[in-house]
C-alpha atoms as a PDB file:
ATOM      1  CA  UNK A   1      18.274  48.621  -0.925  1.00  0.00           C
ATOM      2  CA  UNK A   2      14.846  48.011   0.670  1.00  0.00           C
ATOM      3  CA  UNK A   3      14.913  51.557   2.143  1.00  0.00           C
ATOM      4  CA  UNK A   4      15.347  53.077  -1.322  1.00  0.00           C
ATOM      5  CA  UNK A   5      12.467  51.034  -2.643  1.00  0.00           C
ATOM      6  CA  UNK A   6      10.301  52.111   0.311  1.00  0.00           C
ATOM      7  CA  UNK A   7      10.892  55.746  -0.649  1.00  0.00           C
ATOM      8  CA  UNK A   8       9.932  55.094  -4.273  1.00  0.00           C
ATOM      9  CA  UNK A   9       6.863  53.094  -3.254  1.00  0.00           C
ATOM     10  CA  UNK A  10       5.711  55.873  -0.930  1.00  0.00           C
ATOM     11  CA  UNK A  11       5.833  58.323  -3.848  1.00  0.00           C
ATOM     12  CA  UNK A  12       3.537  55.966  -5.732  1.00  0.00           C
ATOM     13  CA  UNK A  13       1.102  55.616  -2.825  1.00  0.00           C
ATOM     14  CA  UNK A  14       2.123  52.069  -1.843  1.00  0.00           C
ATOM     15  CA  UNK A  15       2.443  51.343   1.869  1.00  0.00           C
ATOM     16  CA  UNK A  16       5.429  49.596   3.455  1.00  0.00           C
ATOM     17  CA  UNK A  17       3.714  46.222   3.977  1.00  0.00           C
ATOM     18  CA  UNK A  18       2.548  46.045   0.368  1.00  0.00           C
ATOM     19  CA  UNK A  19       6.010  46.917  -0.902  1.00  0.00           C
ATOM     20  CA  UNK A  20       7.730  44.248   1.191  1.00  0.00           C
ATOM     21  CA  UNK A  21       5.187  41.660   0.053  1.00  0.00           C
ATOM     22  CA  UNK A  22       5.849  42.539  -3.591  1.00  0.00           C
ATOM     23  CA  UNK A  23       9.606  42.678  -3.006  1.00  0.00           C
ATOM     24  CA  UNK A  24       9.725  39.239  -1.348  1.00  0.00           C
ATOM     25  CA  UNK A  25       7.753  37.700  -4.210  1.00  0.00           C
ATOM     26  CA  UNK A  26       9.809  39.272  -7.005  1.00  0.00           C
ATOM     27  CA  UNK A  27      13.423  39.688  -5.878  1.00  0.00           C
ATOM     28  CA  UNK A  28      15.512  36.839  -4.517  1.00  0.00           C
ATOM     29  CA  UNK A  29      19.081  38.028  -4.947  1.00  0.00           C
ATOM     30  CA  UNK A  30      20.908  41.329  -5.179  1.00  0.00           C
ATOM     31  CA  UNK A  31      24.212  41.694  -6.999  1.00  0.00           C
ATOM     32  CA  UNK A  32      26.215  44.736  -5.903  1.00  0.00           C
ATOM     33  CA  UNK A  33      28.456  46.024  -8.674  1.00  0.00           C
ATOM     34  CA  UNK A  34      31.189  48.528  -7.789  1.00  0.00           C
ATOM     35  CA  UNK A  35      32.931  50.901 -10.155  1.00  0.00           C
ATOM     36  CA  UNK A  36      36.661  51.381 -10.015  1.00  0.00           C
ATOM     37  CA  UNK A  37      39.457  52.677 -12.198  1.00  0.00           C
ATOM     38  CA  UNK A  38      39.714  49.255 -13.869  1.00  0.00           C
ATOM     39  CA  UNK A  39      35.983  48.989 -14.615  1.00  0.00           C
ATOM     40  CA  UNK A  40      33.005  47.381 -12.901  1.00  0.00           C
ATOM     41  CA  UNK A  41      33.234  44.332 -10.689  1.00  0.00           C
ATOM     42  CA  UNK A  42      30.851  42.276  -8.581  1.00  0.00           C
ATOM     43  CA  UNK A  43      31.622  43.223  -4.985  1.00  0.00           C
ATOM     44  CA  UNK A  44      28.821  41.431  -3.113  1.00  0.00           C
ATOM     45  CA  UNK A  45      25.934  39.002  -3.570  1.00  0.00           C
ATOM     46  CA  UNK A  46      23.073  39.087  -1.067  1.00  0.00           C
ATOM     47  CA  UNK A  47      19.766  37.251  -0.699  1.00  0.00           C
ATOM     48  CA  UNK A  48      16.563  38.923   0.422  1.00  0.00           C
ATOM     49  CA  UNK A  49      15.029  37.403   3.532  1.00  0.00           C
ATOM     50  CA  UNK A  50      11.924  38.407   5.489  1.00  0.00           C
ATOM     51  CA  UNK A  51      12.129  39.030   9.214  1.00  0.00           C
ATOM     52  CA  UNK A  52       9.444  38.271  11.816  1.00  0.00           C
ATOM     53  CA  UNK A  53       7.619  41.501  10.974  1.00  0.00           C
ATOM     54  CA  UNK A  54       7.513  40.641   7.268  1.00  0.00           C
ATOM     55  CA  UNK A  55      10.131  43.219   6.294  1.00  0.00           C
ATOM     56  CA  UNK A  56      12.768  42.295   3.704  1.00  0.00           C
ATOM     57  CA  UNK A  57      16.438  42.633   4.437  1.00  0.00           C
ATOM     58  CA  UNK A  58      19.581  41.763   2.514  1.00  0.00           C
ATOM     59  CA  UNK A  59      21.685  38.875   3.864  1.00  0.00           C
ATOM     60  CA  UNK A  60      25.172  38.904   2.295  1.00  0.00           C
ATOM     61  CA  UNK A  61      26.248  35.458   1.085  1.00  0.00           C
ATOM     62  CA  UNK A  62      29.452  36.398  -0.778  1.00  0.00           C
ATOM     63  CA  UNK A  63      31.818  39.357  -0.692  1.00  0.00           C
ATOM     64  CA  UNK A  64      34.728  39.996  -3.036  1.00  0.00           C
ATOM     65  CA  UNK A  65      36.920  41.140  -0.133  1.00  0.00           C
ATOM     66  CA  UNK A  66      36.550  37.989   1.992  1.00  0.00           C
ATOM     67  CA  UNK A  67      34.616  35.338   0.054  1.00  0.00           C
ATOM     68  CA  UNK A  68      31.610  33.513   1.461  1.00  0.00           C
ATOM     69  CA  UNK A  69      29.922  35.629   4.127  1.00  0.00           C
ATOM     70  CA  UNK A  70      27.107  33.309   5.252  1.00  0.00           C
ATOM     71  CA  UNK A  71      27.916  29.646   4.632  1.00  0.00           C
ATOM     72  CA  UNK A  72      24.405  28.293   5.266  1.00  0.00           C
ATOM     73  CA  UNK A  73      22.711  30.791   2.923  1.00  0.00           C
ATOM     74  CA  UNK A  74      25.402  30.260   0.285  1.00  0.00           C
ATOM     75  CA  UNK A  75      24.876  26.478   0.444  1.00  0.00           C
ATOM     76  CA  UNK A  76      21.115  26.976   0.021  1.00  0.00           C
ATOM     77  CA  UNK A  77      21.782  29.174  -3.006  1.00  0.00           C
ATOM     78  CA  UNK A  78      24.028  26.521  -4.592  1.00  0.00           C
ATOM     79  CA  UNK A  79      21.643  23.668  -3.715  1.00  0.00           C
ATOM     80  CA  UNK A  80      18.781  25.511  -5.403  1.00  0.00           C
ATOM     81  CA  UNK A  81      20.794  25.584  -8.594  1.00  0.00           C
ATOM     82  CA  UNK A  82      20.970  29.372  -8.601  1.00  0.00           C
ATOM     83  CA  UNK A  83      24.742  29.349  -9.075  1.00  0.00           C
ATOM     84  CA  UNK A  84      26.241  27.488 -11.971  1.00  0.00           C
END
């Protein structure tokens, strides 16, 4: 997802560092919805985290195929009250 946003930002004249700064401030979670013959379903939930270089990356915390992907990040999400 961050790579797609980098491409859009570049078209608008925004550099990579500025985009990742804006992205980190505005987006906290990504919900991946898949389409299938029976309709749309949530297939993954990920949190955006910055690396040492300040770049954002998605850290999966839950996947429909195997449940909780990253226990520590999932617990932080629940503790913050983001899941009810």
